[in-house]
Amino acid sequence: MLPLSQTETKRRFDEAQRLQRAGRIEAAEAAYRALLDGQPGLAEAAVQLGRIALARGAADEAAARFETARRARPAEAAIWQMEAEALARLGDPARTTRFLKAARKAGLPAALLSTLEARLAPAKGGPPAPRLGRRRRRRPRRCWPRCGRAAPAKPNGAPRF
């Protein structure tokens, strides 16, 4: 198969993303696979296939897709993090060790490297690491009953008792 032109690649990728957003995951997956057949080194399509595989619970396939994307774009921090997530779910110590060696060799920023190492700590036998992504927000503490400050007013302006 001949390589796709840049405009055809973009058109097909946009169509696959539309399918994915519409919830037609199987059709989107097929579109991303067809896109990779025409452009084997296209990191964006490999990342999307990895995300679909990870959501489906196929951590082995997801890790392989993210590895393909990482080799195409070694400076992309998000790809490193997604591959670490897939490897953490997979729990394969040999692949985890190879991944961390590649991360150290790639010259990644220290903060990213420590995040990757922390996420993969369970695969090396350490304590469970927090999941990458959103952090829980703490609710602000109200000290007015203890510190003597006036209670906040009710919406109608009357003080609370």
N, C-alpha and C. Protein backbone atom coordinates (compact mmCIF):
# COMPACT_ATOMS: atom_id res chain seq x y z
N MET A 1 0.84 -1.18 0.00
CA MET A 1 0.00 0.00 0.00
C MET A 1 0.89 1.25 0.00
N LEU A 2 0.55 2.20 -0.82
CA LEU A 2 1.30 3.44 -0.89
C LEU A 2 1.01 4.31 0.33
N PRO A 3 2.00 5.08 0.78
CA PRO A 3 1.75 5.99 1.91
C PRO A 3 0.69 7.02 1.54
N LEU A 4 -0.09 7.42 2.53
CA LEU A 4 -1.15 8.40 2.32
C LEU A 4 -0.57 9.81 2.27
N SER A 5 -1.24 10.69 1.55
CA SER A 5 -0.82 12.09 1.54
C SER A 5 -1.17 12.71 2.89
N GLN A 6 -0.59 13.86 3.14
CA GLN A 6 -0.82 14.52 4.42
C GLN A 6 -2.29 14.93 4.59
N THR A 7 -2.91 15.41 3.53
CA THR A 7 -4.32 15.81 3.62
C THR A 7 -5.23 14.60 3.80
N GLU A 8 -4.91 13.50 3.11
CA GLU A 8 -5.72 12.28 3.26
C GLU A 8 -5.55 11.70 4.66
N THR A 9 -4.34 11.76 5.20
CA THR A 9 -4.10 11.28 6.56
C THR A 9 -4.91 12.09 7.55
N LYS A 10 -4.89 13.41 7.40
CA LYS A 10 -5.63 14.27 8.32
C LYS A 10 -7.13 14.02 8.20
N ARG A 11 -7.63 13.86 6.98
CA ARG A 11 -9.05 13.61 6.77
C ARG A 11 -9.48 12.31 7.44
N ARG A 12 -8.69 11.26 7.25
CA ARG A 12 -9.03 9.96 7.85
C ARG A 12 -8.93 9.99 9.37
N PHE A 13 -7.93 10.70 9.88
CA PHE A 13 -7.78 10.80 11.33
C PHE A 13 -8.96 11.57 11.94
N ASP A 14 -9.36 12.66 11.30
CA ASP A 14 -10.51 13.44 11.78
C ASP A 14 -11.79 12.59 11.76
N GLU A 15 -11.96 11.79 10.73
CA GLU A 15 -13.13 10.92 10.64
C GLU A 15 -13.11 9.88 11.76
N ALA A 16 -11.96 9.30 12.04
CA ALA A 16 -11.84 8.32 13.13
C ALA A 16 -12.15 8.96 14.48
N GLN A 17 -11.70 10.19 14.67
CA GLN A 17 -11.99 10.90 15.92
C GLN A 17 -13.48 11.19 16.05
N ARG A 18 -14.13 11.56 14.95
CA ARG A 18 -15.58 11.79 14.98
C ARG A 18 -16.31 10.52 15.38
N LEU A 19 -15.89 9.40 14.82
CA LEU A 19 -16.51 8.12 15.18
C LEU A 19 -16.31 7.81 16.66
N GLN A 20 -15.11 8.08 17.15
CA GLN A 20 -14.81 7.80 18.55
C GLN A 20 -15.65 8.69 19.47
N ARG A 21 -15.75 9.97 19.15
CA ARG A 21 -16.56 10.88 19.96
C ARG A 21 -18.04 10.52 19.93
N ALA A 22 -18.49 9.95 18.82
CA ALA A 22 -19.89 9.56 18.68
C ALA A 22 -20.19 8.25 19.40
N GLY A 23 -19.15 7.62 19.96
CA GLY A 23 -19.35 6.39 20.70
C GLY A 23 -19.29 5.13 19.85
N ARG A 24 -18.94 5.28 18.61
CA ARG A 24 -18.82 4.12 17.71
C ARG A 24 -17.38 3.62 17.77
N ILE A 25 -17.04 3.00 18.89
CA ILE A 25 -15.66 2.63 19.19
C ILE A 25 -15.11 1.60 18.21
N GLU A 26 -15.92 0.59 17.86
CA GLU A 26 -15.43 -0.45 16.94
C GLU A 26 -15.10 0.15 15.57
N ALA A 27 -15.97 1.04 15.08
CA ALA A 27 -15.73 1.69 13.79
C ALA A 27 -14.51 2.61 13.86
N ALA A 28 -14.36 3.31 14.98
CA ALA A 28 -13.20 4.19 15.15
C ALA A 28 -11.92 3.37 15.19
N GLU A 29 -11.97 2.24 15.90
CA GLU A 29 -10.79 1.39 15.98
C GLU A 29 -10.39 0.87 14.61
N ALA A 30 -11.36 0.48 13.82
CA ALA A 30 -11.08 0.01 12.46
C ALA A 30 -10.50 1.14 11.61
N ALA A 31 -11.01 2.35 11.79
CA ALA A 31 -10.50 3.50 11.03
C ALA A 31 -9.05 3.82 11.43
N TYR A 32 -8.75 3.76 12.74
CA TYR A 32 -7.38 4.00 13.19
C TYR A 32 -6.43 2.91 12.66
N ARG A 33 -6.89 1.66 12.66
CA ARG A 33 -6.05 0.58 12.13
C ARG A 33 -5.77 0.77 10.65
N ALA A 34 -6.81 1.16 9.89
CA ALA A 34 -6.62 1.42 8.46
C ALA A 34 -5.66 2.57 8.24
N LEU A 35 -5.75 3.56 9.11
CA LEU A 35 -4.85 4.70 9.01
C LEU A 35 -3.41 4.28 9.27
N LEU A 36 -3.21 3.40 10.26
CA LEU A 36 -1.85 2.91 10.54
C LEU A 36 -1.32 2.01 9.42
N ASP A 37 -2.21 1.36 8.70
CA ASP A 37 -1.76 0.58 7.54
C ASP A 37 -1.16 1.50 6.48
N GLY A 38 -1.73 2.67 6.31
CA GLY A 38 -1.23 3.63 5.32
C GLY A 38 -0.07 4.45 5.83
N GLN A 39 -0.01 4.72 7.13
CA GLN A 39 1.07 5.50 7.77
C GLN A 39 1.51 4.77 9.03
N PRO A 40 2.40 3.79 8.93
CA PRO A 40 2.75 2.97 10.09
C PRO A 40 3.35 3.74 11.27
N GLY A 41 3.99 4.84 11.04
CA GLY A 41 4.62 5.58 12.13
C GLY A 41 3.79 6.72 12.68
N LEU A 42 2.50 6.73 12.42
CA LEU A 42 1.63 7.81 12.86
C LEU A 42 1.31 7.65 14.35
N ALA A 43 1.96 8.46 15.18
CA ALA A 43 1.85 8.33 16.63
C ALA A 43 0.43 8.61 17.12
N GLU A 44 -0.26 9.57 16.52
CA GLU A 44 -1.59 9.94 16.98
C GLU A 44 -2.57 8.77 16.89
N ALA A 45 -2.52 8.03 15.79
CA ALA A 45 -3.41 6.88 15.62
C ALA A 45 -3.04 5.76 16.59
N ALA A 46 -1.75 5.55 16.81
CA ALA A 46 -1.31 4.52 17.75
C ALA A 46 -1.76 4.87 19.17
N VAL A 47 -1.69 6.15 19.53
CA VAL A 47 -2.12 6.58 20.87
C VAL A 47 -3.62 6.33 21.03
N GLN A 48 -4.40 6.67 20.03
CA GLN A 48 -5.85 6.48 20.14
C GLN A 48 -6.20 4.99 20.23
N LEU A 49 -5.50 4.15 19.47
CA LEU A 49 -5.73 2.71 19.58
C LEU A 49 -5.33 2.20 20.96
N GLY A 50 -4.27 2.76 21.51
CA GLY A 50 -3.86 2.39 22.87
C GLY A 50 -4.88 2.80 23.90
N ARG A 51 -5.45 3.99 23.75
CA ARG A 51 -6.47 4.46 24.69
C ARG A 51 -7.72 3.58 24.62
N ILE A 52 -8.10 3.19 23.41
CA ILE A 52 -9.27 2.32 23.24
C ILE A 52 -8.99 0.97 23.89
N ALA A 53 -7.81 0.42 23.66
CA ALA A 53 -7.45 -0.88 24.24
C ALA A 53 -7.41 -0.81 25.76
N LEU A 54 -6.88 0.28 26.29
CA LEU A 54 -6.80 0.44 27.74
C LEU A 54 -8.20 0.53 28.35
N ALA A 55 -9.09 1.24 27.69
CA ALA A 55 -10.47 1.35 28.18
C ALA A 55 -11.19 0.01 28.13
N ARG A 56 -10.81 -0.82 27.17
CA ARG A 56 -11.42 -2.13 27.01
C ARG A 56 -10.82 -3.14 28.01
N GLY A 57 -9.69 -2.78 28.61
CA GLY A 57 -9.04 -3.67 29.57
C GLY A 57 -7.93 -4.50 28.98
N ALA A 58 -7.55 -4.24 27.75
CA ALA A 58 -6.48 -4.97 27.09
C ALA A 58 -5.17 -4.21 27.29
N ALA A 59 -4.61 -4.35 28.49
CA ALA A 59 -3.40 -3.58 28.84
C ALA A 59 -2.20 -3.98 28.00
N ASP A 60 -2.10 -5.25 27.61
CA ASP A 60 -0.97 -5.71 26.81
C ASP A 60 -0.96 -5.03 25.44
N GLU A 61 -2.13 -5.01 24.79
CA GLU A 61 -2.24 -4.35 23.49
C GLU A 61 -2.01 -2.85 23.63
N ALA A 62 -2.55 -2.25 24.69
CA ALA A 62 -2.39 -0.81 24.91
C ALA A 62 -0.91 -0.46 25.08
N ALA A 63 -0.19 -1.26 25.87
CA ALA A 63 1.23 -0.98 26.09
C ALA A 63 2.01 -1.07 24.78
N ALA A 64 1.67 -2.04 23.94
CA ALA A 64 2.34 -2.17 22.64
C ALA A 64 2.05 -0.96 21.76
N ARG A 65 0.79 -0.49 21.75
CA ARG A 65 0.44 0.68 20.94
C ARG A 65 1.15 1.94 21.44
N PHE A 66 1.17 2.11 22.76
CA PHE A 66 1.85 3.29 23.32
C PHE A 66 3.35 3.23 23.06
N GLU A 67 3.92 2.03 23.08
CA GLU A 67 5.35 1.90 22.78
C GLU A 67 5.64 2.32 21.35
N THR A 68 4.77 1.92 20.43
CA THR A 68 4.91 2.33 19.03
C THR A 68 4.86 3.86 18.91
N ALA A 69 3.91 4.46 19.61
CA ALA A 69 3.77 5.92 19.57
C ALA A 69 4.97 6.60 20.22
N ARG A 70 5.47 6.02 21.31
CA ARG A 70 6.62 6.61 22.02
C ARG A 70 7.86 6.58 21.14
N ARG A 71 8.04 5.52 20.39
CA ARG A 71 9.21 5.44 19.49
C ARG A 71 9.11 6.47 18.37
N ALA A 72 7.88 6.77 17.95
CA ALA A 72 7.69 7.78 16.90
C ALA A 72 7.85 9.20 17.45
N ARG A 73 7.45 9.41 18.71
CA ARG A 73 7.52 10.74 19.35
C ARG A 73 8.12 10.60 20.74
N PRO A 74 9.45 10.46 20.84
CA PRO A 74 10.07 10.21 22.15
C PRO A 74 10.03 11.40 23.11
N ALA A 75 9.75 12.58 22.65
CA ALA A 75 9.75 13.75 23.53
C ALA A 75 8.36 14.06 24.10
N GLU A 76 7.36 13.29 23.73
CA GLU A 76 5.97 13.55 24.14
C GLU A 76 5.71 12.95 25.53
N ALA A 77 5.58 13.79 26.53
CA ALA A 77 5.42 13.33 27.92
C ALA A 77 4.13 12.54 28.12
N ALA A 78 3.05 12.93 27.46
CA ALA A 78 1.77 12.24 27.65
C ALA A 78 1.84 10.79 27.18
N ILE A 79 2.59 10.53 26.14
CA ILE A 79 2.72 9.16 25.65
C ILE A 79 3.48 8.30 26.67
N TRP A 80 4.52 8.86 27.26
CA TRP A 80 5.27 8.14 28.30
C TRP A 80 4.34 7.81 29.47
N GLN A 81 3.50 8.77 29.86
CA GLN A 81 2.60 8.56 30.99
C GLN A 81 1.54 7.51 30.67
N MET A 82 1.00 7.53 29.46
CA MET A 82 -0.01 6.54 29.10
C MET A 82 0.59 5.14 29.03
N GLU A 83 1.82 5.04 28.52
CA GLU A 83 2.47 3.72 28.49
C GLU A 83 2.75 3.23 29.91
N ALA A 84 3.13 4.13 30.81
CA ALA A 84 3.35 3.74 32.20
C ALA A 84 2.06 3.24 32.83
N GLU A 85 0.95 3.89 32.54
CA GLU A 85 -0.34 3.45 33.06
C GLU A 85 -0.68 2.05 32.55
N ALA A 86 -0.46 1.80 31.27
CA ALA A 86 -0.74 0.48 30.70
C ALA A 86 0.16 -0.58 31.33
N LEU A 87 1.43 -0.26 31.52
CA LEU A 87 2.37 -1.21 32.12
C LEU A 87 2.03 -1.47 33.59
N ALA A 88 1.58 -0.45 34.29
CA ALA A 88 1.19 -0.64 35.69
C ALA A 88 -0.01 -1.58 35.79
N ARG A 89 -0.95 -1.45 34.88
CA ARG A 89 -2.11 -2.35 34.89
C ARG A 89 -1.72 -3.76 34.45
N LEU A 90 -0.73 -3.85 33.58
CA LEU A 90 -0.28 -5.14 33.08
C LEU A 90 0.49 -5.90 34.16
N GLY A 91 1.36 -5.19 34.87
CA GLY A 91 2.11 -5.81 35.96
C GLY A 91 3.23 -6.73 35.50
N ASP A 92 3.85 -6.46 34.37
CA ASP A 92 4.95 -7.27 33.86
C ASP A 92 6.27 -6.63 34.27
N PRO A 93 7.01 -7.20 35.25
CA PRO A 93 8.24 -6.57 35.73
C PRO A 93 9.32 -6.42 34.67
N ALA A 94 9.43 -7.38 33.75
CA ALA A 94 10.47 -7.31 32.71
C ALA A 94 10.21 -6.13 31.78
N ARG A 95 8.96 -5.97 31.35
CA ARG A 95 8.64 -4.84 30.46
C ARG A 95 8.76 -3.52 31.20
N THR A 96 8.40 -3.52 32.47
CA THR A 96 8.52 -2.31 33.27
C THR A 96 9.97 -1.89 33.39
N THR A 97 10.86 -2.84 33.63
CA THR A 97 12.29 -2.53 33.74
C THR A 97 12.82 -1.97 32.42
N ARG A 98 12.45 -2.60 31.30
CA ARG A 98 12.89 -2.09 29.99
C ARG A 98 12.37 -0.67 29.75
N PHE A 99 11.13 -0.45 30.13
CA PHE A 99 10.51 0.88 29.94
C PHE A 99 11.26 1.94 30.76
N LEU A 100 11.54 1.64 32.02
CA LEU A 100 12.22 2.61 32.87
C LEU A 100 13.65 2.86 32.40
N LYS A 101 14.33 1.84 31.89
CA LYS A 101 15.67 2.05 31.33
C LYS A 101 15.61 2.98 30.12
N ALA A 102 14.60 2.75 29.27
CA ALA A 102 14.43 3.62 28.09
C ALA A 102 14.12 5.05 28.52
N ALA A 103 13.32 5.20 29.58
CA ALA A 103 12.97 6.54 30.07
C ALA A 103 14.21 7.26 30.60
N ARG A 104 15.05 6.56 31.34
CA ARG A 104 16.28 7.19 31.86
C ARG A 104 17.23 7.55 30.72
N LYS A 105 17.29 6.69 29.73
CA LYS A 105 18.19 6.92 28.60
C LYS A 105 17.71 8.06 27.70
N ALA A 106 16.40 8.29 27.67
CA ALA A 106 15.82 9.31 26.79
C ALA A 106 16.09 10.73 27.26
N GLY A 107 16.56 10.89 28.49
CA GLY A 107 16.84 12.24 28.99
C GLY A 107 15.59 13.03 29.29
N LEU A 108 14.60 12.37 29.83
CA LEU A 108 13.35 13.05 30.19
C LEU A 108 13.57 13.98 31.38
N PRO A 109 12.72 14.98 31.55
CA PRO A 109 12.83 15.85 32.73
C PRO A 109 12.70 15.03 34.01
N ALA A 110 13.38 15.48 35.05
CA ALA A 110 13.41 14.74 36.31
C ALA A 110 12.01 14.55 36.91
N ALA A 111 11.16 15.55 36.79
CA ALA A 111 9.81 15.45 37.34
C ALA A 111 9.02 14.35 36.64
N LEU A 112 9.12 14.28 35.32
CA LEU A 112 8.42 13.24 34.57
C LEU A 112 8.98 11.87 34.91
N LEU A 113 10.29 11.76 34.99
CA LEU A 113 10.91 10.48 35.31
C LEU A 113 10.49 9.99 36.69
N SER A 114 10.43 10.89 37.67
CA SER A 114 10.01 10.47 39.01
C SER A 114 8.53 10.08 39.03
N THR A 115 7.70 10.74 38.22
CA THR A 115 6.29 10.37 38.11
C THR A 115 6.13 8.98 37.52
N LEU A 116 6.92 8.69 36.48
CA LEU A 116 6.85 7.37 35.85
C LEU A 116 7.31 6.29 36.83
N GLU A 117 8.40 6.56 37.54
CA GLU A 117 8.90 5.58 38.50
C GLU A 117 7.90 5.35 39.63
N ALA A 118 7.26 6.41 40.09
CA ALA A 118 6.27 6.27 41.16
C ALA A 118 5.06 5.47 40.69
N ARG A 119 4.64 5.70 39.45
CA ARG A 119 3.47 4.97 38.94
C ARG A 119 3.78 3.49 38.77
N LEU A 120 5.00 3.17 38.44
CA LEU A 120 5.35 1.78 38.19
C LEU A 120 5.90 1.07 39.42
N ALA A 121 5.88 1.72 40.56
CA ALA A 121 6.40 1.11 41.78
C ALA A 121 5.69 -0.20 42.13
N PRO A 122 4.38 -0.34 41.98
CA PRO A 122 3.74 -1.62 42.32
C PRO A 122 4.25 -2.77 41.46
N ALA A 123 4.59 -2.51 40.20
CA ALA A 123 5.07 -3.57 39.33
C ALA A 123 6.44 -4.07 39.79
N LYS A 124 7.16 -3.26 40.57
CA LYS A 124 8.46 -3.66 41.08
C LYS A 124 8.35 -4.21 42.50
N GLY A 125 7.14 -4.32 43.03
CA GLY A 125 6.95 -4.88 44.35
C GLY A 125 6.82 -3.85 45.46
N GLY A 126 6.74 -2.58 45.14
CA GLY A 126 6.62 -1.54 46.15
C GLY A 126 5.17 -1.31 46.53
N PRO A 127 4.92 -0.27 47.31
CA PRO A 127 3.54 0.05 47.70
C PRO A 127 2.76 0.58 46.50
N PRO A 128 1.45 0.48 46.53
CA PRO A 128 0.66 0.98 45.40
C PRO A 128 0.85 2.48 45.21
N ALA A 129 1.00 2.86 43.98
CA ALA A 129 1.19 4.28 43.65
C ALA A 129 -0.15 4.88 43.26
N PRO A 130 -0.30 6.19 43.43
CA PRO A 130 -1.55 6.83 43.01
C PRO A 130 -1.69 6.79 41.50
N ARG A 131 -2.93 6.75 41.04
CA ARG A 131 -3.17 6.74 39.59
C ARG A 131 -2.85 8.10 39.01
N LEU A 132 -2.38 8.09 37.77
CA LEU A 132 -2.14 9.35 37.08
C LEU A 132 -3.48 9.96 36.72
N GLY A 133 -3.53 11.26 36.70
CA GLY A 133 -4.78 11.91 36.31
C GLY A 133 -5.22 12.92 37.34
N ARG A 134 -6.54 13.03 37.47
CA ARG A 134 -7.11 14.04 38.37
C ARG A 134 -6.82 13.70 39.83
N ARG A 135 -6.57 14.72 40.59
CA ARG A 135 -6.38 14.55 42.03
C ARG A 135 -7.63 15.02 42.74
N ARG A 136 -7.90 14.41 43.89
CA ARG A 136 -9.04 14.82 44.67
C ARG A 136 -8.76 16.15 45.33
N ARG A 137 -9.72 17.03 45.28
CA ARG A 137 -9.58 18.33 45.94
C ARG A 137 -10.04 18.21 47.37
N ARG A 138 -9.33 18.88 48.24
CA ARG A 138 -9.76 18.92 49.63
C ARG A 138 -10.74 20.06 49.80
N ARG A 139 -11.72 19.83 50.63
CA ARG A 139 -12.68 20.88 50.92
C ARG A 139 -12.04 21.87 51.87
N PRO A 140 -12.31 23.16 51.69
CA PRO A 140 -11.73 24.14 52.61
C PRO A 140 -12.30 23.97 54.02
N ARG A 141 -11.45 24.14 54.99
CA ARG A 141 -11.89 24.03 56.37
C ARG A 141 -12.54 25.32 56.82
N ARG A 142 -13.55 25.17 57.60
CA ARG A 142 -14.22 26.33 58.17
C ARG A 142 -13.85 26.40 59.63
N CYS A 143 -13.27 27.48 60.03
CA CYS A 143 -12.81 27.55 61.41
C CYS A 143 -13.67 28.47 62.27
N TRP A 144 -14.74 29.03 61.73
CA TRP A 144 -15.48 30.05 62.49
C TRP A 144 -16.04 29.56 63.82
N PRO A 145 -16.45 28.30 64.01
CA PRO A 145 -16.94 27.93 65.34
C PRO A 145 -15.82 27.90 66.38
N ARG A 146 -14.60 27.58 65.95
CA ARG A 146 -13.51 27.44 66.89
C ARG A 146 -12.69 28.71 67.08
N CYS A 147 -12.59 29.52 66.07
CA CYS A 147 -11.69 30.66 66.17
C CYS A 147 -12.39 31.97 66.54
N GLY A 148 -13.68 31.95 66.71
CA GLY A 148 -14.38 33.14 67.17
C GLY A 148 -14.82 34.07 66.06
N ARG A 149 -14.56 33.74 64.82
CA ARG A 149 -15.01 34.59 63.72
C ARG A 149 -16.51 34.48 63.57
N ALA A 150 -17.10 35.50 63.03
CA ALA A 150 -18.55 35.49 62.81
C ALA A 150 -18.89 34.46 61.73
N ALA A 151 -20.00 33.83 61.89
CA ALA A 151 -20.46 32.84 60.91
C ALA A 151 -20.80 33.57 59.62
N PRO A 152 -20.59 32.90 58.49
CA PRO A 152 -20.96 33.54 57.23
C PRO A 152 -22.47 33.80 57.18
N ALA A 153 -22.85 34.83 56.47
CA ALA A 153 -24.26 35.22 56.38
C ALA A 153 -25.02 34.26 55.49
N LYS A 154 -26.32 34.14 55.77
CA LYS A 154 -27.19 33.36 54.90
C LYS A 154 -27.39 34.14 53.61
N PRO A 155 -27.86 33.49 52.56
CA PRO A 155 -28.04 34.20 51.31
C PRO A 155 -28.93 35.45 51.40
N ASN A 156 -29.89 35.46 52.32
CA ASN A 156 -30.75 36.64 52.43
C ASN A 156 -30.15 37.73 53.29
N GLY A 157 -28.93 37.52 53.81
CA GLY A 157 -28.24 38.55 54.59
C GLY A 157 -28.34 38.37 56.08
N ALA A 158 -29.20 37.48 56.55
CA ALA A 158 -29.34 37.28 58.00
C ALA A 158 -28.19 36.42 58.51
N PRO A 159 -27.66 36.72 59.69
CA PRO A 159 -26.56 35.91 60.22
C PRO A 159 -27.04 34.53 60.65
N ARG A 160 -26.14 33.57 60.63
CA ARG A 160 -26.45 32.21 61.05
C ARG A 160 -26.19 32.08 62.55
N PHE A 161 -27.01 31.30 63.19
CA PHE A 161 -26.83 31.04 64.63
C PHE A 161 -26.74 29.58 64.89
